[in-house]
Amino acid sequence: MKKNTKIFLYIITGIILLFLVLFALNNFAEAKLKKGIEDTASQINLKYEELDVNLLSRKAALESPSFSMNGKSFEAEKLSLNNIEIFKYLTDKDLEIGEVTLEVPSFTFNKSEKSEKNGNSTSSGFKENILIKKVEIKNGDLAIVENDSAENSLYTKFSHLEIFGFQLDSSSVKKTIPFQFNDYVLKGDSLFYKLDSRHNVSLGKLNIKEGHSVLNDFRITPVYGKQEFQRHIPYELDRFELVIEEVSFSNLKWKFKNDSLSIENPLTEIKNANLEVYRDKLQPDDTRQKKMYSEMIRKLPVNLKLDTIRISNSYIKYEELMDGDRSPGELDFSNLNASIYNLSNRNMQAKDFKSTEIDVKTRFMQEANLSVNWKFNIQNKNDRFNISGNMDRISEEAMNRFMKPALNVLAKGSIEDMSFNYSGNHTEALGDMRMVYKDFKVEVLREDGRRKNKLLSALANLIINNDAISEDVVQKQIEVTRDKTRSFWNYLWKMIRAGVLKSFF
């Protein structure tokens, strides 16, 4: 046999042997990786119909995967693993994956199912470290429920979700969110939340990228109309209807610590909000004590830090039904722009804890410019606050939109200017008021709401001071005691009413 022929045969034989060795190693590695995925899946209760592993392309795929543990579950059409670091797994036993894609998943979180406490729980047996550089979830939906009831349940659909730096280990699986991550991108199509038996919350779109979040078409919608609503409440309750065109968060950060949610954001913007509130005063009183807003925020189960909130181009209408034979009285605030600073219940023990400040500018009853400044310290357990405001001219027509249907009284004349400044706590307030009014008279109407009650009107006008046409009327040291069964807004109304009555009479 010629020398060249022998060399050729040696090369061919070597190639065949190398191929056989690589084939054997590939089969061994694939089998080991497949077993590793199977073992990991078993530890976290991940089930599937079929598992396919391809070492040469560094890919794996699970058909119809499903998972369930401690009230957290999902099922999907397919789970794909790409760019698997096979040699790292063979040497370190850690599973590191470049990208995981989950197609058409459905997630469910049942809050009524508690984590297992015994030592044989699935989470305590999980010992793997799984690192995924990127998780991509396509066309998913999420449900958060409690006791398998629609009450206080949340449902949402999202077209696209990317999670970066996904890590799952023995420590993370025991937490509320059973994994850690660095960042995420989310595009949501819709959201529905059952706020209570009388109101629903919905969201049209949700986009989150690099901390910047935008919510579109946010709504709180009553389940019932105004009259039907009254049949579903045990006492006086407000019926809310809220539509917000856009809410944006400049750099939203949130996390769970000891099962407590923490939310932080530097700038929150609320654009084009429309809020309508209806209250039927014919219902029985709710005699429970009401909290001041500072106490409500102080005792929130959420750890909150919102540096600045800006509300622009918004509208509020409040309707109050005082008599079943008359229409409700109306108050409205249009072209409302407000800024809220330092809304936080974090680190309340700090000596330099900042007070919350709210500045509002709006158009009252479509004609009077109104500005309000409100300060309170969430840290202060006496709920100390200061509130001041100024309103320019308001006509009798605007005043009577509320006074006639609600109080059966007609105003004549106008208020030219009014300002107030009150400081107080959760029990009492003390303040001053300045007011200028012109040719002011009142007509007390009869029960039919059309004819004037001449006797009562004459008595009322006898004691109204009509000399203050062009001079300032200043009332100082006005004392107001809070009715703790009423809201802060009733408290503020009592402050303004006390000043107005002292100015008029």
Protein backbone atom coordinates (compact mmCIF):
# COMPACT_ATOMS: atom_id res chain seq x y z
CA MET A 1 0.00 0.00 0.00
CA LYS A 2 1.31 3.39 -0.96
CA LYS A 3 2.36 5.85 1.73
CA ASN A 4 -0.15 8.50 0.58
CA THR A 5 -2.97 5.99 0.74
CA LYS A 6 -2.05 5.03 4.31
CA ILE A 7 -2.00 8.68 5.38
CA PHE A 8 -5.41 9.22 3.81
CA LEU A 9 -6.84 6.18 5.63
CA TYR A 10 -5.37 7.38 8.94
CA ILE A 11 -7.00 10.79 8.45
CA ILE A 12 -10.38 9.28 7.57
CA THR A 13 -10.18 6.90 10.53
CA GLY A 14 -9.26 9.80 12.85
CA ILE A 15 -12.15 11.89 11.59
CA ILE A 16 -14.57 9.00 12.09
CA LEU A 17 -13.25 8.36 15.61
CA LEU A 18 -13.45 12.09 16.44
CA PHE A 19 -17.01 12.20 15.09
CA LEU A 20 -17.93 9.18 17.18
CA VAL A 21 -16.41 10.76 20.30
CA LEU A 22 -18.19 14.07 19.66
CA PHE A 23 -21.42 12.22 18.97
CA ALA A 24 -21.08 10.30 22.22
CA LEU A 25 -20.21 13.48 24.15
CA ASN A 26 -23.10 15.31 22.53
CA ASN A 27 -25.53 12.54 23.47
CA PHE A 28 -24.10 12.46 26.98
CA ALA A 29 -24.33 16.26 27.35
CA GLU A 30 -27.80 16.39 25.85
CA ALA A 31 -28.97 13.61 28.16
CA LYS A 32 -27.39 15.33 31.16
CA LEU A 33 -28.91 18.72 30.22
CA LYS A 34 -32.28 17.11 29.57
CA LYS A 35 -32.15 15.40 32.95
CA GLY A 36 -31.10 18.67 34.57
CA ILE A 37 -34.08 20.49 33.04
CA GLU A 38 -36.37 17.64 34.08
CA ASP A 39 -35.03 17.70 37.66
CA THR A 40 -35.32 21.49 37.88
CA ALA A 41 -38.83 21.37 36.44
CA SER A 42 -39.78 18.73 38.98
CA GLN A 43 -38.49 20.83 41.89
CA ILE A 44 -40.59 23.86 40.91
CA ASN A 45 -43.64 21.83 39.88
CA LEU A 46 -43.13 22.68 36.20
CA LYS A 47 -45.01 20.19 34.05
CA TYR A 48 -45.01 19.81 30.26
CA GLU A 49 -46.10 17.47 27.49
CA GLU A 50 -42.79 17.17 25.62
CA LEU A 51 -39.16 18.27 26.06
CA ASP A 52 -36.78 18.65 23.12
CA VAL A 53 -33.07 19.45 23.65
CA ASN A 54 -30.52 20.22 20.89
CA LEU A 55 -26.97 20.75 22.14
CA LEU A 56 -25.48 21.81 18.81
CA SER A 57 -27.87 24.74 18.51
CA ARG A 58 -27.86 25.20 22.32
CA LYS A 59 -31.66 25.17 22.39
CA ALA A 60 -34.42 23.43 24.28
CA ALA A 61 -38.21 23.63 24.07
CA LEU A 62 -41.05 22.53 26.33
CA GLU A 63 -44.50 22.04 24.84
CA SER A 64 -47.56 23.07 26.89
CA PRO A 65 -45.67 23.92 30.10
CA SER A 66 -47.62 24.55 33.32
CA PHE A 67 -46.62 25.51 36.83
CA SER A 68 -48.31 25.70 40.24
CA MET A 69 -46.90 26.51 43.68
CA ASN A 70 -48.25 28.39 46.72
CA GLY A 71 -51.13 29.99 44.85
CA LYS A 72 -48.95 31.02 41.88
CA SER A 73 -49.59 29.22 38.59
CA PHE A 74 -49.32 29.54 34.83
CA GLU A 75 -49.84 27.57 31.66
CA ALA A 76 -48.58 28.37 28.16
CA GLU A 77 -48.40 27.02 24.62
CA LYS A 78 -44.61 26.78 24.48
CA LEU A 79 -41.46 27.58 26.47
CA SER A 80 -38.26 28.00 24.40
CA LEU A 81 -34.71 28.17 25.82
CA ASN A 82 -32.01 29.64 23.56
CA ASN A 83 -28.23 30.06 23.96
CA ILE A 84 -27.89 27.62 26.85
CA GLU A 85 -24.45 27.72 28.53
CA ILE A 86 -24.05 23.93 28.51
CA PHE A 87 -20.44 23.74 29.72
CA LYS A 88 -21.20 26.06 32.64
CA TYR A 89 -24.02 23.73 33.58
CA LEU A 90 -21.81 20.64 33.28
CA THR A 91 -19.08 22.19 35.46
CA ASP A 92 -20.95 24.44 37.95
CA LYS A 93 -24.42 22.83 37.96
CA ASP A 94 -25.88 26.33 37.39
CA LEU A 95 -28.29 26.82 34.51
CA GLU A 96 -27.44 29.97 32.56
CA ILE A 97 -29.56 30.81 29.51
CA GLY A 98 -29.27 33.65 27.03
CA GLU A 99 -32.97 33.95 26.24
CA VAL A 100 -36.23 32.30 27.23
CA THR A 101 -39.44 32.85 25.26
CA LEU A 102 -42.85 32.06 26.72
CA GLU A 103 -45.72 32.03 24.22
CA VAL A 104 -49.37 32.79 25.07
CA PRO A 105 -49.07 32.26 28.83
CA SER A 106 -51.84 32.67 31.39
CA PHE A 107 -50.70 33.58 34.92
CA THR A 108 -52.80 33.30 38.09
CA PHE A 109 -51.97 34.52 41.61
CA ASN A 110 -54.40 33.37 44.29
CA LYS A 111 -53.83 35.54 47.38
CA SER A 112 -55.89 33.25 49.61
CA GLU A 113 -53.44 30.35 49.18
CA LYS A 114 -50.59 30.77 51.69
CA SER A 115 -47.07 29.48 51.30
CA GLU A 116 -46.38 26.06 52.73
CA LYS A 117 -44.72 26.17 56.14
CA ASN A 118 -43.47 22.62 56.54
CA GLY A 119 -40.00 21.50 55.67
CA ASN A 120 -41.21 19.30 52.80
CA SER A 121 -42.51 22.24 50.77
CA THR A 122 -41.45 22.50 47.16
CA SER A 123 -39.68 25.80 47.70
CA SER A 124 -37.48 24.47 50.50
CA GLY A 125 -36.32 21.62 48.22
CA PHE A 126 -35.28 23.92 45.38
CA LYS A 127 -31.48 24.23 45.26
CA GLU A 128 -30.74 25.28 41.68
CA ASN A 129 -29.46 28.64 40.48
CA ILE A 130 -31.07 29.74 37.24
CA LEU A 131 -29.90 32.90 35.45
CA ILE A 132 -31.63 34.09 32.29
CA LYS A 133 -30.29 37.17 30.54
CA LYS A 134 -33.60 37.90 28.85
CA VAL A 135 -37.12 36.53 29.28
CA GLU A 136 -39.62 37.39 26.55
CA ILE A 137 -43.32 36.78 27.11
CA LYS A 138 -45.73 37.13 24.19
CA ASN A 139 -49.52 37.67 24.30
CA GLY A 140 -50.08 36.84 27.95
CA ASP A 141 -52.72 37.49 30.55
CA LEU A 142 -52.62 37.79 34.33
CA ALA A 143 -55.24 37.25 37.03
CA ILE A 144 -54.84 38.10 40.73
CA VAL A 145 -57.72 36.66 42.70
CA GLU A 146 -58.72 35.98 46.29
CA ASN A 147 -60.89 33.10 47.47
CA ASP A 148 -61.80 32.38 43.84
CA SER A 149 -64.07 35.42 43.92
CA ALA A 150 -64.38 38.33 41.48
CA GLU A 151 -64.34 40.75 44.44
CA ASN A 152 -61.01 42.63 44.61
CA SER A 153 -59.72 40.63 41.63
CA LEU A 154 -57.44 41.96 38.91
CA TYR A 155 -57.30 40.84 35.28
CA THR A 156 -54.94 42.16 32.61
CA LYS A 157 -53.75 41.32 29.10
CA PHE A 158 -50.33 42.25 27.73
CA SER A 159 -48.94 41.85 24.24
CA HIS A 160 -45.28 42.01 25.14
CA LEU A 161 -43.14 41.67 28.28
CA GLU A 162 -39.36 41.50 28.49
CA ILE A 163 -37.52 40.82 31.76
CA PHE A 164 -33.76 41.34 31.94
CA GLY A 165 -31.42 39.69 34.46
CA PHE A 166 -33.97 37.09 35.58
CA GLN A 167 -32.69 34.99 38.49
CA LEU A 168 -34.40 32.11 40.30
CA ASP A 169 -32.87 30.39 43.33
CA SER A 170 -33.75 28.71 46.61
CA SER A 171 -34.16 32.07 48.34
CA SER A 172 -36.28 33.86 45.73
CA VAL A 173 -38.89 31.11 45.29
CA LYS A 174 -40.12 31.72 48.85
CA LYS A 175 -40.92 35.39 48.21
CA THR A 176 -44.08 37.10 46.96
CA ILE A 177 -42.45 37.48 43.56
CA PRO A 178 -40.54 34.19 43.25
CA PHE A 179 -37.66 35.60 41.17
CA GLN A 180 -35.31 38.58 40.98
CA PHE A 181 -34.73 40.81 37.94
CA ASN A 182 -32.82 43.93 36.87
CA ASP A 183 -35.23 45.67 34.50
CA TYR A 184 -38.29 45.05 32.34
CA VAL A 185 -40.27 46.37 29.37
CA LEU A 186 -44.04 45.95 29.28
CA LYS A 187 -46.78 46.72 26.77
CA GLY A 188 -50.23 46.07 28.20
CA ASP A 189 -53.48 46.07 26.22
CA SER A 190 -56.05 46.20 29.01
CA LEU A 191 -56.60 45.91 32.74
CA PHE A 192 -59.68 45.30 34.86
CA TYR A 193 -59.92 45.44 38.66
CA LYS A 194 -62.98 44.93 40.83
CA LEU A 195 -62.46 47.80 43.29
CA ASP A 196 -65.53 46.93 45.35
CA SER A 197 -69.10 45.73 44.76
CA ARG A 198 -70.07 49.16 43.39
CA HIS A 199 -67.04 50.33 41.36
CA ASN A 200 -64.71 48.84 38.76
CA VAL A 201 -61.26 50.03 37.66
CA SER A 202 -60.08 49.65 34.06
CA LEU A 203 -57.08 50.68 31.99
CA GLY A 204 -56.82 50.98 28.22
CA LYS A 205 -53.06 50.77 27.66
CA LEU A 206 -49.90 50.41 29.73
CA ASN A 207 -46.33 50.97 28.52
CA ILE A 208 -43.25 50.63 30.74
CA LYS A 209 -39.69 51.02 29.47
CA GLU A 210 -36.53 51.83 31.44
CA GLY A 211 -38.60 53.00 34.42
CA HIS A 212 -40.73 55.41 32.38
CA SER A 213 -44.35 54.30 32.60
CA VAL A 214 -47.42 55.60 30.77
CA LEU A 215 -51.02 54.59 31.54
CA ASN A 216 -53.76 55.57 29.10
CA ASP A 217 -57.52 55.69 29.57
CA PHE A 218 -57.60 54.98 33.31
CA ARG A 219 -61.19 54.72 34.62
CA ILE A 220 -63.14 54.16 37.82
CA THR A 221 -66.64 53.24 36.69
CA PRO A 222 -69.76 52.80 38.85
CA VAL A 223 -71.56 49.50 38.42
CA TYR A 224 -74.96 51.17 38.95
CA GLY A 225 -76.70 54.37 37.89
CA LYS A 226 -77.28 57.14 40.43
CA GLN A 227 -80.67 55.93 41.63
CA GLU A 228 -79.88 52.22 41.60
CA PHE A 229 -76.61 52.91 43.44
CA GLN A 230 -78.57 54.05 46.50
CA ARG A 231 -80.16 50.59 46.80
CA HIS A 232 -76.75 49.00 47.24
CA ILE A 233 -75.34 51.13 50.08
CA PRO A 234 -76.08 50.89 53.83
CA TYR A 235 -75.48 54.63 54.45
CA GLU A 236 -74.24 57.78 52.70
CA LEU A 237 -71.49 56.85 50.24
CA ASP A 238 -70.03 58.73 47.30
CA ARG A 239 -70.60 57.41 43.81
CA PHE A 240 -67.39 58.05 41.81
CA GLU A 241 -66.91 58.26 38.08
CA LEU A 242 -63.33 59.02 37.03
CA VAL A 243 -61.67 59.14 33.60
CA ILE A 244 -57.98 60.05 33.19
CA GLU A 245 -56.56 60.39 29.70
CA GLU A 246 -52.95 59.78 30.74
CA VAL A 247 -50.88 59.04 33.85
CA SER A 248 -47.10 58.98 33.49
CA PHE A 249 -44.28 58.05 35.90
CA SER A 250 -40.81 59.42 35.13
CA ASN A 251 -38.80 56.66 36.85
CA LEU A 252 -41.10 54.27 38.67
CA LYS A 253 -39.40 51.88 41.09
CA TRP A 254 -41.21 49.23 43.06
CA LYS A 255 -40.24 46.20 45.10
CA PHE A 256 -41.50 43.83 47.76
CA LYS A 257 -39.71 43.69 51.10
CA ASN A 258 -41.06 41.34 53.78
CA ASP A 259 -44.24 41.05 51.68
CA SER A 260 -44.69 44.84 51.84
CA LEU A 261 -44.89 46.82 48.59
CA SER A 262 -42.65 49.87 48.18
CA ILE A 263 -43.31 52.46 45.42
CA GLU A 264 -41.06 55.38 44.52
CA ASN A 265 -41.23 57.93 41.69
CA PRO A 266 -39.72 61.42 41.21
CA LEU A 267 -42.39 62.93 38.92
CA THR A 268 -45.95 61.71 38.38
CA GLU A 269 -48.15 63.51 35.83
CA ILE A 270 -51.93 63.22 35.57
CA LYS A 271 -53.37 64.77 32.41
CA ASN A 272 -56.98 65.54 31.49
CA ALA A 273 -58.75 63.94 34.44
CA ASN A 274 -62.53 64.14 34.78
CA LEU A 275 -64.05 63.26 38.18
CA GLU A 276 -67.77 63.27 38.97
CA VAL A 277 -68.98 62.59 42.52
CA TYR A 278 -72.61 62.10 43.53
CA ARG A 279 -73.90 61.91 47.10
CA ASP A 280 -77.47 61.30 48.24
CA LYS A 281 -77.91 63.06 51.60
CA LEU A 282 -81.25 61.30 52.11
CA GLN A 283 -79.38 58.11 53.02
CA PRO A 284 -78.62 57.30 56.68
CA ASP A 285 -75.46 58.91 58.08
CA ASP A 286 -72.27 56.91 58.29
CA THR A 287 -71.41 57.50 61.95
CA ARG A 288 -68.00 55.85 61.87
CA GLN A 289 -65.03 58.12 62.60
CA LYS A 290 -63.24 59.36 59.48
CA LYS A 291 -59.47 59.71 59.23
CA MET A 292 -57.63 62.82 58.12
CA TYR A 293 -55.63 62.38 54.91
CA SER A 294 -52.33 62.58 56.80
CA GLU A 295 -53.37 59.61 58.93
CA MET A 296 -54.60 57.65 55.91
CA ILE A 297 -51.24 58.04 54.17
CA ARG A 298 -49.30 57.42 57.39
CA LYS A 299 -51.06 54.08 57.87
CA LEU A 300 -51.01 52.88 54.26
CA PRO A 301 -49.88 49.24 53.86
CA VAL A 302 -47.75 50.51 50.95
CA ASN A 303 -44.39 52.20 51.49
CA LEU A 304 -44.80 55.36 49.39
CA LYS A 305 -42.44 58.06 48.12
CA LEU A 306 -43.79 60.35 45.38
CA ASP A 307 -41.69 63.50 45.13
CA THR A 308 -43.89 65.55 42.78
CA ILE A 309 -47.36 64.96 41.34
CA ARG A 310 -48.69 67.32 38.68
CA ILE A 311 -52.36 67.41 37.66
CA SER A 312 -53.21 69.39 34.52
CA ASN A 313 -56.31 70.46 32.62
CA SER A 314 -58.73 68.51 34.81
CA TYR A 315 -62.33 68.80 35.95
CA ILE A 316 -64.28 67.92 39.11
CA LYS A 317 -68.05 68.00 39.58
CA TYR A 318 -69.77 67.32 42.90
CA GLU A 319 -73.52 66.73 43.11
CA GLU A 320 -75.45 66.57 46.39
CA LEU A 321 -79.10 65.57 46.67
CA MET A 322 -80.72 67.21 49.70
CA ASP A 323 -84.40 66.79 48.84
CA GLY A 324 -86.04 64.06 46.80
CA ASP A 325 -88.41 66.58 45.20
CA ARG A 326 -85.60 68.79 43.92
CA SER A 327 -82.62 68.31 41.62
CA PRO A 328 -79.20 67.88 43.26
CA GLY A 329 -77.06 70.93 43.88
CA GLU A 330 -73.87 71.17 41.81
CA LEU A 331 -70.36 72.41 42.46
CA ASP A 332 -67.72 72.23 39.75
CA PHE A 333 -64.03 73.00 39.33
CA SER A 334 -62.83 73.36 35.74
CA ASN A 335 -59.39 73.95 34.20
CA LEU A 336 -57.93 72.47 37.37
CA ASN A 337 -54.13 72.43 37.67
CA ALA A 338 -52.41 71.23 40.82
CA SER A 339 -48.98 70.28 42.15
CA ILE A 340 -48.44 67.93 45.09
CA TYR A 341 -45.00 67.76 46.71
CA ASN A 342 -43.47 65.22 49.14
CA LEU A 343 -46.22 62.62 49.32
CA SER A 344 -44.39 60.03 51.40
CA ASN A 345 -44.73 57.76 54.43
CA ARG A 346 -41.13 56.55 54.22
CA ASN A 347 -38.60 57.29 57.01
CA MET A 348 -41.19 59.18 59.05
CA GLN A 349 -38.92 59.06 62.09
CA ALA A 350 -36.38 61.34 60.37
CA LYS A 351 -35.94 64.82 61.85
CA ASP A 352 -35.85 66.42 58.39
CA PHE A 353 -39.03 64.66 57.21
CA LYS A 354 -40.73 67.02 54.74
CA SER A 355 -44.33 68.20 54.93
CA THR A 356 -46.69 67.48 52.08
CA GLU A 357 -47.73 70.60 50.14
CA ILE A 358 -50.57 70.93 47.63
CA ASP A 359 -51.03 73.95 45.36
CA VAL A 360 -54.26 74.19 43.35
CA LYS A 361 -55.44 76.68 40.73
CA THR A 362 -58.87 76.22 39.20
CA ARG A 363 -62.02 77.88 37.87
CA PHE A 364 -64.89 77.58 40.36
CA MET A 365 -68.43 77.30 38.95
CA GLN A 366 -67.07 78.18 35.48
CA GLU A 367 -66.33 81.81 36.41
CA ALA A 368 -64.40 82.47 39.66
CA ASN A 369 -60.62 82.01 39.81
CA LEU A 370 -59.78 79.97 42.89
CA SER A 371 -56.34 79.15 44.31
CA VAL A 372 -55.69 76.94 47.35
CA ASN A 373 -52.53 76.06 49.26
CA TRP A 374 -52.71 73.11 51.67
CA LYS A 375 -49.90 71.79 53.87
CA PHE A 376 -49.86 68.87 56.29
CA ASN A 377 -47.23 66.71 57.94
CA ILE A 378 -47.87 62.98 57.57
CA GLN A 379 -45.40 62.39 60.42
CA ASN A 380 -47.52 64.43 62.88
CA LYS A 381 -49.98 62.21 64.78
CA ASN A 382 -52.16 65.20 65.68
CA ASP A 383 -52.60 65.71 61.92
CA ARG A 384 -51.58 69.35 61.96
CA PHE A 385 -52.38 71.25 58.77
CA ASN A 386 -52.67 74.70 57.24
CA ILE A 387 -55.00 75.56 54.38
CA SER A 388 -55.46 78.93 52.70
CA GLY A 389 -57.16 80.14 49.57
CA ASN A 390 -58.38 83.04 47.51
CA MET A 391 -61.37 83.39 45.17
CA ASP A 392 -62.34 86.35 43.01
CA ARG A 393 -65.81 87.42 41.82
CA ILE A 394 -68.66 84.91 41.67
CA SER A 395 -72.15 85.86 40.50
CA GLU A 396 -75.56 84.99 41.90
CA GLU A 397 -76.25 82.71 38.90
CA ALA A 398 -73.23 80.57 39.70
CA MET A 399 -74.00 80.42 43.43
CA ASN A 400 -77.61 79.45 42.81
CA ARG A 401 -76.61 76.39 40.82
CA PHE A 402 -75.91 74.86 44.21
CA MET A 403 -77.91 76.95 46.69
CA LYS A 404 -81.32 76.69 45.04
CA PRO A 405 -81.60 72.91 44.60
CA ALA A 406 -79.56 71.95 47.66
CA LEU A 407 -80.63 74.58 50.23
CA ASN A 408 -83.88 75.93 48.74
CA VAL A 409 -82.36 79.42 48.91
CA LEU A 410 -81.73 82.00 46.16
CA ALA A 411 -78.81 84.44 46.37
CA LYS A 412 -79.08 88.01 45.06
CA GLY A 413 -75.94 90.04 44.41
CA SER A 414 -72.34 88.82 44.18
CA ILE A 415 -69.25 87.97 46.17
CA GLU A 416 -66.45 90.20 44.82
CA ASP A 417 -63.52 88.66 46.63
CA MET A 418 -62.88 86.10 49.36
CA SER A 419 -59.76 84.75 51.07
CA PHE A 420 -59.26 82.43 54.05
CA ASN A 421 -56.41 81.03 56.13
CA TYR A 422 -56.94 78.23 58.68
CA SER A 423 -54.61 76.10 60.78
CA GLY A 424 -55.76 73.11 62.77
CA ASN A 425 -55.51 69.44 63.63
CA HIS A 426 -57.84 66.44 63.67
CA THR A 427 -60.04 68.09 66.33
CA GLU A 428 -60.27 71.85 65.82
CA ALA A 429 -59.19 74.69 63.53
CA LEU A 430 -58.62 78.42 63.99
CA GLY A 431 -58.39 80.97 61.20
CA ASP A 432 -59.25 84.26 59.50
CA MET A 433 -61.43 85.26 56.56
CA ARG A 434 -61.63 88.36 54.39
CA MET A 435 -64.63 88.93 52.12
CA VAL A 436 -66.10 91.67 49.93
CA TYR A 437 -69.69 91.29 48.70
CA LYS A 438 -72.06 93.57 46.81
CA ASP A 439 -75.83 94.10 47.29
CA PHE A 440 -76.12 90.64 48.79
CA LYS A 441 -79.58 89.38 49.70
CA VAL A 442 -81.19 85.98 50.02
CA GLU A 443 -84.60 84.63 49.15
CA VAL A 444 -85.81 81.64 51.12
CA LEU A 445 -88.10 79.62 48.86
CA ARG A 446 -91.22 77.68 49.73
CA GLU A 447 -91.29 73.92 49.57
CA ASP A 448 -92.14 73.94 45.86
CA GLY A 449 -88.77 75.60 45.17
CA ARG A 450 -90.36 78.31 43.00
CA ARG A 451 -92.24 80.80 45.20
CA LYS A 452 -90.51 83.13 47.64
CA ASN A 453 -91.15 82.73 51.37
CA LYS A 454 -91.49 86.46 52.09
CA LEU A 455 -91.39 86.24 55.90
CA LEU A 456 -88.23 84.12 56.15
CA SER A 457 -86.55 86.12 53.35
CA ALA A 458 -87.29 89.39 55.14
CA LEU A 459 -85.92 88.07 58.44
CA ALA A 460 -82.75 86.82 56.77
CA ASN A 461 -82.11 90.09 54.95
CA LEU A 462 -82.71 92.14 58.09
CA ILE A 463 -79.58 90.72 59.64
CA ILE A 464 -77.37 90.65 56.54
CA ASN A 465 -74.85 93.48 56.55
CA ASN A 466 -75.29 95.32 53.25
CA ASP A 467 -72.86 98.11 54.07
CA ALA A 468 -69.84 96.11 52.91
CA ILE A 469 -70.21 97.01 49.23
CA SER A 470 -66.74 98.36 48.66
CA GLU A 471 -64.93 97.85 51.94
CA ASP A 472 -63.22 94.72 53.23
CA VAL A 473 -64.90 92.61 55.87
CA VAL A 474 -62.26 90.78 57.92
CA GLN A 475 -63.13 88.15 60.50
CA LYS A 476 -60.35 86.91 62.78
CA GLN A 477 -59.98 84.05 65.26
CA ILE A 478 -62.78 81.98 63.73
CA GLU A 479 -63.04 78.73 65.69
CA VAL A 480 -64.31 75.51 64.13
CA THR A 481 -64.73 72.11 65.79
CA ARG A 482 -64.48 69.09 63.55
CA ASP A 483 -67.23 66.49 63.33
CA LYS A 484 -65.08 63.35 63.29
CA THR A 485 -67.82 61.34 61.63
CA ARG A 486 -67.40 63.56 58.55
CA SER A 487 -64.62 63.84 55.97
CA PHE A 488 -61.92 66.52 55.73
CA TRP A 489 -63.97 68.22 53.00
CA ASN A 490 -66.87 68.67 55.41
CA TYR A 491 -64.34 70.11 57.89
CA LEU A 492 -63.12 72.61 55.26
CA TRP A 493 -66.72 73.51 54.37
CA LYS A 494 -67.41 74.27 58.05
CA MET A 495 -64.37 76.59 58.13
CA ILE A 496 -65.52 78.54 55.07
CA ARG A 497 -69.16 78.59 56.18
CA ALA A 498 -68.21 79.92 59.64
CA GLY A 499 -66.29 82.79 58.05
CA VAL A 500 -69.07 83.58 55.56
CA LEU A 501 -71.76 83.62 58.26
CA LYS A 502 -69.70 85.96 60.47
CA SER A 503 -69.21 88.25 57.48
CA PHE A 504 -72.87 88.28 56.44
CA PHE A 505 -74.55 88.47 59.84
